[in-house]
Amino acid sequence: MSDPPHNEADRAGVGARFIARFALGYVGLWVALLTPSLGTLAIRVRQIDAAHSAELLARVLALGAACALIANPVFGHLSDRTRAAGGMRRPWMLAGVCVGCAGLALVASAHEMGVLLAGWCVAQVGFNATLAAMVAVLPDQVPSGQRGTVSGMLAVCLPVGQALGSALVSRVAESPWLMLMLPGVLGSAAVLLFAYFLRDRRLTTDAVAHDDLRLALRTMRVQPGALADFAWAWGSRGLLAMTSIVLMSYLPFYLVDRLHRGLGEVPGLIARAVVLQAALVIVSSLLCGWLSDRLARRKVFALLGGVGYACGLWLVATAVSYESFLVGIAVTGMAHGAYFGTDLALVTDILRGRSGNSGRDLGILNVTNTLPQVLAPPLAALVLGADAAVGYGNLYLLAGACALGGALAITPLRTVR
């Protein structure tokens, strides 16, 4: 089977089978990567040291996030320079999920915090190496005219992965080992299926100059002058990701302290809100991604998505009842789908002339998935005051302003429409 054409002008459109396998693999990756942080990791930490579990969990999550920050651009860069017979991206997908599952096994079997911490860092490095390679498949394989549709499909994968991971964990809640390994193994199997059928791009020996250490370090940098649009898009995505994390992370406290709901009601109230938001994200992502291809326009959807997210957060901030809160959540769901359903297509269009570094560049873009997880908690702590009811309202008002800033950061883009 021949390699996909390197020149985009000669590249045929991808079919439904490719898109389905890509989406399945992407869902599987999020199942393996996100499920532990939804509760299983906290359970393992408490089993080892119940007295200091909160402090230790924060440390584990922070160090894991730091590993993810480094792994994405590094392994994206390495995949750009890989000349393996199996292709550029496939080796890193295979190695990444194997290393990731080995890390989860360490976490599952740990009896000391040092082992658990090492295991989680190994898992983050492995699965984020896979993520960097998988995202680079989009510009490698998908022509610009289909990237909105495929980007919309990929945007759906994260909430679907979270839901599937939660469902798997609920079935084996009596076994922390299975709570970690079942999502990890099944999610990795979906990635391996995609990698097996992938017509991976191959890099010939003469396609790229020999890399010495200094050249590698130079190409690891993003030059703001040459990639001004990429820098604006990176900042925009980071701000929107930050607001999304703030919205979901503080919902339990918001419902209790601001809307005065009982603690026992909170899980059910959050579940209803999450299901509503996820359903609207799916519809909006698929619709806006498809429309962006038909209209050959990306910026307008990202701009409207950012503005809509700001409006939704402001509705949440000023809500006086659970029903009015759900209206705000519904608006954020539609806006989230409009923005994240098209922004990956927008960024790959910006980087169209830099296919030799697409893995590295998209690895840097993936940092926006992780960096907000590190920055959001301390920044939120500065906003929250002694009066919790007022503090959470102010937090969501400020988050809305950040979302608006992310939307406005789209407007200076010049290389895409």
Protein backbone atom coordinates (compact mmCIF):
# COMPACT_ATOMS: atom_id res chain seq x y z
CA MET A 1 0.00 0.00 0.00
CA SER A 2 1.47 3.37 -1.01
CA ASP A 3 2.14 6.25 1.33
CA PRO A 4 -0.29 9.20 1.40
CA PRO A 5 0.92 12.05 -0.83
CA HIS A 6 3.09 14.56 0.98
CA ASN A 7 1.79 17.41 -1.20
CA GLU A 8 -1.68 18.41 0.01
CA ALA A 9 -2.78 19.39 -3.48
CA ASP A 10 -2.33 15.75 -4.56
CA ARG A 11 -4.00 14.29 -1.47
CA ALA A 12 -7.37 12.56 -1.87
CA GLY A 13 -10.10 13.00 0.70
CA VAL A 14 -10.30 10.55 3.57
CA GLY A 15 -13.18 8.13 3.78
CA ALA A 16 -15.69 7.26 6.47
CA ARG A 17 -13.67 4.25 7.63
CA PHE A 18 -10.57 6.34 8.25
CA ILE A 19 -12.58 8.94 10.17
CA ALA A 20 -14.34 6.26 12.23
CA ARG A 21 -11.05 4.53 13.15
CA PHE A 22 -9.39 7.89 13.90
CA ALA A 23 -12.28 8.88 16.19
CA LEU A 24 -12.32 5.46 17.88
CA GLY A 25 -8.58 5.62 18.54
CA TYR A 26 -8.87 9.18 19.84
CA VAL A 27 -11.72 8.19 22.18
CA GLY A 28 -9.63 5.27 23.38
CA LEU A 29 -6.67 7.52 24.13
CA TRP A 30 -8.82 9.84 26.26
CA VAL A 31 -10.33 6.84 28.06
CA ALA A 32 -6.83 5.64 29.01
CA LEU A 33 -5.42 9.08 29.81
CA LEU A 34 -8.28 10.85 31.61
CA THR A 35 -10.06 8.10 33.53
CA PRO A 36 -7.48 7.78 36.35
CA SER A 37 -7.72 11.48 37.20
CA LEU A 38 -11.53 11.26 37.49
CA GLY A 39 -11.25 9.55 40.86
CA THR A 40 -9.17 6.38 40.70
CA LEU A 41 -5.91 8.20 41.34
CA ALA A 42 -7.40 9.86 44.42
CA ILE A 43 -8.52 6.46 45.74
CA ARG A 44 -5.04 5.00 45.32
CA VAL A 45 -3.43 7.98 47.08
CA ARG A 46 -5.85 7.65 50.00
CA GLN A 47 -5.15 3.92 50.28
CA ILE A 48 -1.45 4.66 50.68
CA ASP A 49 -1.62 7.74 52.95
CA ALA A 50 -5.11 8.77 54.07
CA ALA A 51 -3.85 11.45 56.46
CA HIS A 52 -2.17 13.55 53.74
CA SER A 53 -4.17 12.45 50.70
CA ALA A 54 -5.29 15.89 49.50
CA GLU A 55 -1.80 17.38 49.59
CA LEU A 56 -0.24 14.30 48.00
CA LEU A 57 -2.84 14.10 45.24
CA ALA A 58 -2.20 17.74 44.31
CA ARG A 59 1.53 16.97 44.09
CA VAL A 60 0.98 13.88 41.95
CA LEU A 61 -1.34 15.72 39.54
CA ALA A 62 1.00 18.71 39.27
CA LEU A 63 4.08 16.60 38.51
CA GLY A 64 2.13 14.49 36.04
CA ALA A 65 0.95 17.64 34.29
CA ALA A 66 4.55 18.90 34.14
CA CYS A 67 5.57 15.64 32.43
CA ALA A 68 2.74 16.07 29.92
CA LEU A 69 3.84 19.64 29.20
CA ILE A 70 7.29 18.41 28.23
CA ALA A 71 6.27 15.18 26.49
CA ASN A 72 3.91 16.70 23.90
CA PRO A 73 6.33 18.97 22.02
CA VAL A 74 9.31 16.64 22.52
CA PHE A 75 7.65 13.54 21.10
CA GLY A 76 5.87 15.57 18.44
CA HIS A 77 9.30 16.78 17.32
CA LEU A 78 10.73 13.26 17.40
CA SER A 79 7.85 11.92 15.30
CA ASP A 80 8.56 14.64 12.72
CA ARG A 81 12.11 13.27 12.39
CA THR A 82 11.33 9.53 12.52
CA ARG A 83 12.46 7.51 9.48
CA ALA A 84 11.24 4.09 10.65
CA ALA A 85 9.99 1.60 8.07
CA GLY A 86 6.64 1.56 9.88
CA GLY A 87 6.14 5.28 9.35
CA MET A 88 6.60 8.54 11.24
CA ARG A 89 3.68 8.43 13.69
CA ARG A 90 2.88 4.75 14.20
CA PRO A 91 6.01 3.86 16.24
CA TRP A 92 5.23 6.56 18.80
CA MET A 93 1.59 5.50 19.08
CA LEU A 94 2.64 1.90 19.74
CA ALA A 95 5.44 2.74 22.15
CA GLY A 96 3.36 5.42 23.87
CA VAL A 97 0.42 3.20 24.83
CA CYS A 98 2.77 0.42 25.98
CA VAL A 99 4.68 2.83 28.23
CA GLY A 100 1.42 4.41 29.40
CA CYS A 101 -0.06 1.07 30.43
CA ALA A 102 3.17 0.15 32.21
CA GLY A 103 2.88 3.39 34.17
CA LEU A 104 -0.73 2.60 35.11
CA ALA A 105 0.37 -0.84 36.30
CA LEU A 106 2.90 0.85 38.60
CA VAL A 107 0.18 3.12 39.98
CA ALA A 108 -2.17 0.16 40.48
CA SER A 109 0.40 -1.95 42.35
CA ALA A 110 2.12 0.82 44.33
CA HIS A 111 2.43 0.54 48.12
CA GLU A 112 4.53 3.71 48.49
CA MET A 113 3.88 7.25 47.27
CA GLY A 114 7.21 7.38 45.43
CA VAL A 115 6.23 4.41 43.26
CA LEU A 116 2.76 5.81 42.60
CA LEU A 117 4.23 9.18 41.63
CA ALA A 118 6.77 7.56 39.30
CA GLY A 119 4.06 5.43 37.72
CA TRP A 120 1.77 8.39 37.05
CA CYS A 121 4.62 10.37 35.49
CA VAL A 122 5.50 7.40 33.26
CA ALA A 123 1.84 7.06 32.23
CA GLN A 124 1.62 10.77 31.39
CA VAL A 125 4.78 10.64 29.27
CA GLY A 126 3.62 7.52 27.41
CA PHE A 127 0.06 8.56 26.64
CA ASN A 128 1.06 12.13 25.75
CA ALA A 129 3.65 10.76 23.31
CA THR A 130 0.76 8.91 21.68
CA LEU A 131 -1.35 12.08 21.72
CA ALA A 132 1.36 14.09 19.97
CA ALA A 133 1.65 11.48 17.21
CA MET A 134 -2.09 11.05 16.77
CA VAL A 135 -2.86 14.76 16.44
CA ALA A 136 -0.15 15.06 13.77
CA VAL A 137 -2.08 12.54 11.65
CA LEU A 138 -4.66 15.25 10.94
CA PRO A 139 -2.39 17.47 8.77
CA ASP A 140 -0.55 14.38 7.46
CA GLN A 141 -3.63 12.63 6.09
CA VAL A 142 -6.64 14.97 5.93
CA PRO A 143 -6.90 17.64 3.21
CA SER A 144 -7.87 21.14 4.27
CA GLY A 145 -11.38 20.81 2.84
CA GLN A 146 -12.22 17.99 5.28
CA ARG A 147 -10.37 19.17 8.38
CA GLY A 148 -13.37 20.96 9.85
CA THR A 149 -15.44 17.79 9.71
CA VAL A 150 -12.67 15.64 11.19
CA SER A 151 -11.80 18.29 13.78
CA GLY A 152 -15.45 18.35 14.84
CA MET A 153 -15.38 14.57 15.24
CA LEU A 154 -12.22 14.73 17.35
CA ALA A 155 -13.71 17.43 19.58
CA VAL A 156 -16.52 15.02 20.45
CA CYS A 157 -14.04 12.33 21.49
CA LEU A 158 -12.96 13.90 24.78
CA PRO A 159 -16.40 14.08 26.47
CA VAL A 160 -17.26 10.65 25.04
CA GLY A 161 -13.99 9.27 26.43
CA GLN A 162 -14.73 10.74 29.84
CA ALA A 163 -18.21 9.22 29.86
CA LEU A 164 -17.00 5.79 28.73
CA GLY A 165 -14.16 5.82 31.25
CA SER A 166 -16.54 6.68 34.07
CA ALA A 167 -18.90 3.89 33.00
CA LEU A 168 -16.06 1.33 32.92
CA VAL A 169 -14.82 2.36 36.36
CA SER A 170 -18.31 2.12 37.85
CA ARG A 171 -18.48 -1.54 36.76
CA VAL A 172 -15.29 -2.53 38.59
CA ALA A 173 -15.38 -0.13 41.53
CA GLU A 174 -14.43 -2.88 43.97
CA SER A 175 -10.99 -3.31 42.38
CA PRO A 176 -8.61 -0.32 42.13
CA TRP A 177 -6.38 -2.44 39.88
CA LEU A 178 -9.16 -2.94 37.34
CA MET A 179 -10.27 0.70 37.74
CA LEU A 180 -6.88 1.70 36.34
CA MET A 181 -6.00 -1.14 33.99
CA LEU A 182 -9.35 -1.83 32.31
CA PRO A 183 -9.71 1.69 30.81
CA GLY A 184 -5.98 1.75 30.05
CA VAL A 185 -5.94 -1.56 28.18
CA LEU A 186 -9.23 -1.10 26.32
CA GLY A 187 -8.37 2.48 25.38
CA SER A 188 -4.92 1.42 24.18
CA ALA A 189 -6.48 -1.37 22.10
CA ALA A 190 -8.52 1.25 20.23
CA VAL A 191 -5.32 3.23 19.54
CA LEU A 192 -3.55 0.08 18.32
CA LEU A 193 -6.44 -0.68 15.96
CA PHE A 194 -6.14 2.78 14.41
CA ALA A 195 -2.35 2.46 14.16
CA TYR A 196 -2.61 -0.96 12.47
CA PHE A 197 -4.78 0.29 9.61
CA LEU A 198 -3.09 3.69 9.26
CA ARG A 199 -1.35 4.37 5.94
CA ASP A 200 1.32 6.22 7.81
CA ARG A 201 3.46 8.86 6.18
CA ARG A 202 7.11 7.85 5.71
CA LEU A 203 10.03 10.22 5.86
CA THR A 204 12.83 9.47 3.42
CA THR A 205 16.45 9.96 4.38
CA ASP A 206 16.87 12.95 2.08
CA ALA A 207 13.57 14.61 3.10
CA VAL A 208 15.09 16.39 6.06
CA ALA A 209 18.56 17.65 6.85
CA HIS A 210 20.69 15.81 9.36
CA ASP A 211 19.79 16.93 12.88
CA ASP A 212 22.57 17.84 15.20
CA LEU A 213 21.87 18.97 18.77
CA ARG A 214 21.89 22.68 18.00
CA LEU A 215 19.53 22.25 15.04
CA ALA A 216 17.16 20.20 17.18
CA LEU A 217 17.09 22.89 19.84
CA ARG A 218 16.46 25.59 17.25
CA THR A 219 13.56 23.71 15.68
CA MET A 220 12.03 23.13 19.10
CA ARG A 221 11.38 26.87 19.34
CA VAL A 222 8.38 28.65 17.89
CA GLN A 223 9.50 31.92 16.31
CA PRO A 224 6.81 34.51 17.18
CA GLY A 225 7.57 36.62 14.10
CA ALA A 226 7.25 33.73 11.64
CA LEU A 227 4.35 32.10 13.47
CA ALA A 228 2.41 35.08 14.80
CA ASP A 229 -0.91 33.50 13.85
CA PHE A 230 0.04 30.28 15.60
CA ALA A 231 0.92 32.26 18.74
CA TRP A 232 -2.46 34.03 18.68
CA ALA A 233 -4.30 30.73 18.14
CA TRP A 234 -2.29 29.08 20.94
CA GLY A 235 -3.18 31.86 23.37
CA SER A 236 -6.83 31.76 22.35
CA ARG A 237 -7.08 28.00 22.88
CA GLY A 238 -5.27 28.23 26.20
CA LEU A 239 -7.71 30.82 27.51
CA LEU A 240 -10.75 28.80 26.42
CA ALA A 241 -9.32 25.63 27.96
CA MET A 242 -8.67 27.52 31.20
CA THR A 243 -12.26 28.72 31.43
CA SER A 244 -13.59 25.22 30.73
CA ILE A 245 -11.49 23.76 33.56
CA VAL A 246 -12.58 26.51 35.97
CA LEU A 247 -16.25 25.95 35.10
CA MET A 248 -16.24 22.22 35.81
CA SER A 249 -13.73 22.11 38.70
CA TYR A 250 -15.68 24.37 41.05
CA LEU A 251 -19.25 23.29 40.28
CA PRO A 252 -19.73 21.31 43.54
CA PHE A 253 -18.75 24.29 45.68
CA TYR A 254 -20.76 26.68 43.49
CA LEU A 255 -23.93 24.61 43.84
CA VAL A 256 -23.60 24.35 47.62
CA ASP A 257 -22.34 27.83 48.49
CA ARG A 258 -24.07 29.99 45.89
CA LEU A 259 -27.24 28.10 44.94
CA HIS A 260 -27.61 26.63 48.47
CA ARG A 261 -28.23 23.06 47.35
CA GLY A 262 -27.65 20.15 49.70
CA LEU A 263 -24.38 18.25 49.49
CA GLY A 264 -26.27 15.01 48.88
CA GLU A 265 -27.95 16.54 45.82
CA VAL A 266 -24.72 17.65 44.21
CA PRO A 267 -23.72 14.46 42.32
CA GLY A 268 -27.11 14.20 40.65
CA LEU A 269 -27.23 17.92 39.83
CA ILE A 270 -23.77 17.82 38.28
CA ALA A 271 -24.60 14.67 36.31
CA ARG A 272 -27.63 16.39 34.74
CA ALA A 273 -25.55 19.44 33.86
CA VAL A 274 -22.71 17.36 32.38
CA VAL A 275 -25.09 15.26 30.26
CA LEU A 276 -26.81 18.41 28.94
CA GLN A 277 -23.53 20.10 28.14
CA ALA A 278 -22.02 16.98 26.52
CA ALA A 279 -25.05 16.43 24.29
CA LEU A 280 -24.89 20.02 23.02
CA VAL A 281 -21.10 19.83 22.58
CA ILE A 282 -21.52 16.79 20.33
CA VAL A 283 -24.23 18.35 18.17
CA SER A 284 -22.48 21.71 17.92
CA SER A 285 -19.02 20.23 17.21
CA LEU A 286 -20.22 18.07 14.35
CA LEU A 287 -22.41 20.78 12.84
CA CYS A 288 -19.88 23.61 13.06
CA GLY A 289 -17.00 21.43 11.85
CA TRP A 290 -19.03 20.39 8.80
CA LEU A 291 -20.18 23.97 8.12
CA SER A 292 -16.62 25.29 8.37
CA ASP A 293 -15.63 22.92 5.54
CA ARG A 294 -18.62 23.82 3.39
CA LEU A 295 -18.10 27.57 3.85
CA ALA A 296 -14.27 27.38 3.89
CA ARG A 297 -14.34 29.57 7.02
CA ARG A 298 -12.79 28.77 10.39
CA LYS A 299 -12.40 32.07 12.24
CA VAL A 300 -16.08 32.94 12.50
CA PHE A 301 -16.92 29.69 14.30
CA ALA A 302 -14.04 30.01 16.75
CA LEU A 303 -14.91 33.67 17.37
CA LEU A 304 -18.60 32.97 17.96
CA GLY A 305 -17.71 29.97 20.13
CA GLY A 306 -15.48 32.09 22.37
CA VAL A 307 -18.05 34.88 22.68
CA GLY A 308 -20.80 32.33 23.36
CA TYR A 309 -18.71 30.66 26.07
CA ALA A 310 -18.22 34.03 27.75
CA CYS A 311 -21.97 34.66 27.69
CA GLY A 312 -22.66 31.20 29.13
CA LEU A 313 -20.22 31.73 31.98
CA TRP A 314 -21.76 35.12 32.78
CA LEU A 315 -25.19 33.46 32.89
CA VAL A 316 -23.78 30.89 35.34
CA ALA A 317 -22.20 33.66 37.43
CA THR A 318 -25.52 35.53 37.78
CA ALA A 319 -27.81 32.49 38.10
CA VAL A 320 -30.23 32.55 41.04
CA SER A 321 -31.63 29.03 40.60
CA TYR A 322 -30.56 25.65 39.30
CA GLU A 323 -32.79 26.10 36.25
CA SER A 324 -31.15 29.40 35.28
CA PHE A 325 -27.77 27.77 35.91
CA LEU A 326 -28.71 25.05 33.38
CA VAL A 327 -29.44 27.74 30.79
CA GLY A 328 -25.87 28.98 31.19
CA ILE A 329 -24.53 25.44 30.97
CA ALA A 330 -26.49 24.86 27.76
CA VAL A 331 -24.99 28.00 26.21
CA THR A 332 -21.46 26.89 27.19
CA GLY A 333 -22.12 23.48 25.61
CA MET A 334 -23.12 24.95 22.25
CA ALA A 335 -20.24 27.43 22.36
CA HIS A 336 -17.70 24.78 23.38
CA GLY A 337 -18.67 22.68 20.37
CA ALA A 338 -18.44 25.65 17.99
CA TYR A 339 -14.97 26.60 19.21
CA PHE A 340 -13.27 23.25 19.79
CA GLY A 341 -15.04 21.68 16.81
CA THR A 342 -13.13 23.99 14.45
CA ASP A 343 -10.00 25.25 16.22
CA LEU A 344 -7.84 22.22 15.41
CA ALA A 345 -8.72 22.62 11.72
CA LEU A 346 -7.93 26.32 12.03
CA VAL A 347 -4.48 25.65 13.51
CA THR A 348 -3.57 22.98 10.95
CA ASP A 349 -4.54 25.44 8.21
CA ILE A 350 -2.21 28.01 9.79
CA LEU A 351 0.60 25.43 9.76
CA ARG A 352 -0.13 24.25 6.22
CA GLY A 353 3.31 25.22 4.93
CA ARG A 354 5.16 23.63 7.87
CA SER A 355 4.35 19.93 7.41
CA GLY A 356 7.93 19.03 8.33
CA ASN A 357 7.30 20.27 11.86
CA SER A 358 3.58 19.56 12.26
CA GLY A 359 4.09 17.02 15.05
CA ARG A 360 6.23 19.43 17.04
CA ASP A 361 3.92 22.40 16.42
CA LEU A 362 0.77 20.47 17.34
CA GLY A 363 2.59 19.07 20.36
CA ILE A 364 3.10 22.65 21.49
CA LEU A 365 -0.60 23.26 20.84
CA ASN A 366 -1.42 20.26 23.06
CA VAL A 367 0.26 22.08 25.94
CA THR A 368 -2.95 24.11 26.12
CA ASN A 369 -4.69 20.93 27.34
CA THR A 370 -2.36 20.66 30.34
CA LEU A 371 -1.01 24.09 31.27
CA PRO A 372 -4.44 25.40 32.38
CA GLN A 373 -4.72 22.46 34.80
CA VAL A 374 -1.57 23.75 36.51
CA LEU A 375 -2.47 27.45 36.43
CA ALA A 376 -6.22 27.38 37.15
CA PRO A 377 -6.18 26.33 40.85
CA PRO A 378 -3.78 29.02 42.15
CA LEU A 379 -5.40 31.73 40.01
CA ALA A 380 -8.87 30.73 41.22
CA ALA A 381 -7.66 30.85 44.81
CA LEU A 382 -6.72 34.51 44.32
CA VAL A 383 -10.27 35.33 43.18
CA LEU A 384 -12.20 33.36 45.80
CA GLY A 385 -12.64 35.35 48.99
CA ALA A 386 -14.09 34.73 52.42
CA ASP A 387 -17.66 35.14 51.12
CA ALA A 388 -18.06 31.97 49.07
CA ALA A 389 -21.36 32.97 47.44
CA VAL A 390 -19.81 36.18 46.09
CA GLY A 391 -16.45 34.55 45.35
CA TYR A 392 -17.78 31.89 42.97
CA GLY A 393 -19.88 34.47 41.15
CA ASN A 394 -16.78 36.62 40.67
CA LEU A 395 -14.77 33.60 39.57
CA TYR A 396 -17.19 32.80 36.75
CA LEU A 397 -17.46 36.48 35.76
CA LEU A 398 -13.68 36.60 35.41
CA ALA A 399 -13.65 33.27 33.57
CA GLY A 400 -16.16 34.76 31.12
CA ALA A 401 -13.81 37.70 30.55
CA CYS A 402 -10.99 35.21 29.81
CA ALA A 403 -13.22 33.42 27.29
CA LEU A 404 -13.97 36.75 25.61
CA GLY A 405 -10.23 37.44 25.47
CA GLY A 406 -9.74 34.05 23.84
CA ALA A 407 -12.38 34.92 21.24
CA LEU A 408 -10.79 38.29 20.49
CA ALA A 409 -7.40 36.62 20.05
CA ILE A 410 -8.81 35.00 16.90
CA THR A 411 -9.39 38.33 15.17
CA PRO A 412 -5.71 39.17 14.34
CA LEU A 413 -5.25 35.95 12.33
CA ARG A 414 -4.26 36.70 8.74
CA THR A 415 -3.33 33.36 7.15
CA VAL A 416 -6.75 31.73 7.57
CA ARG A 417 -10.31 32.86 6.96
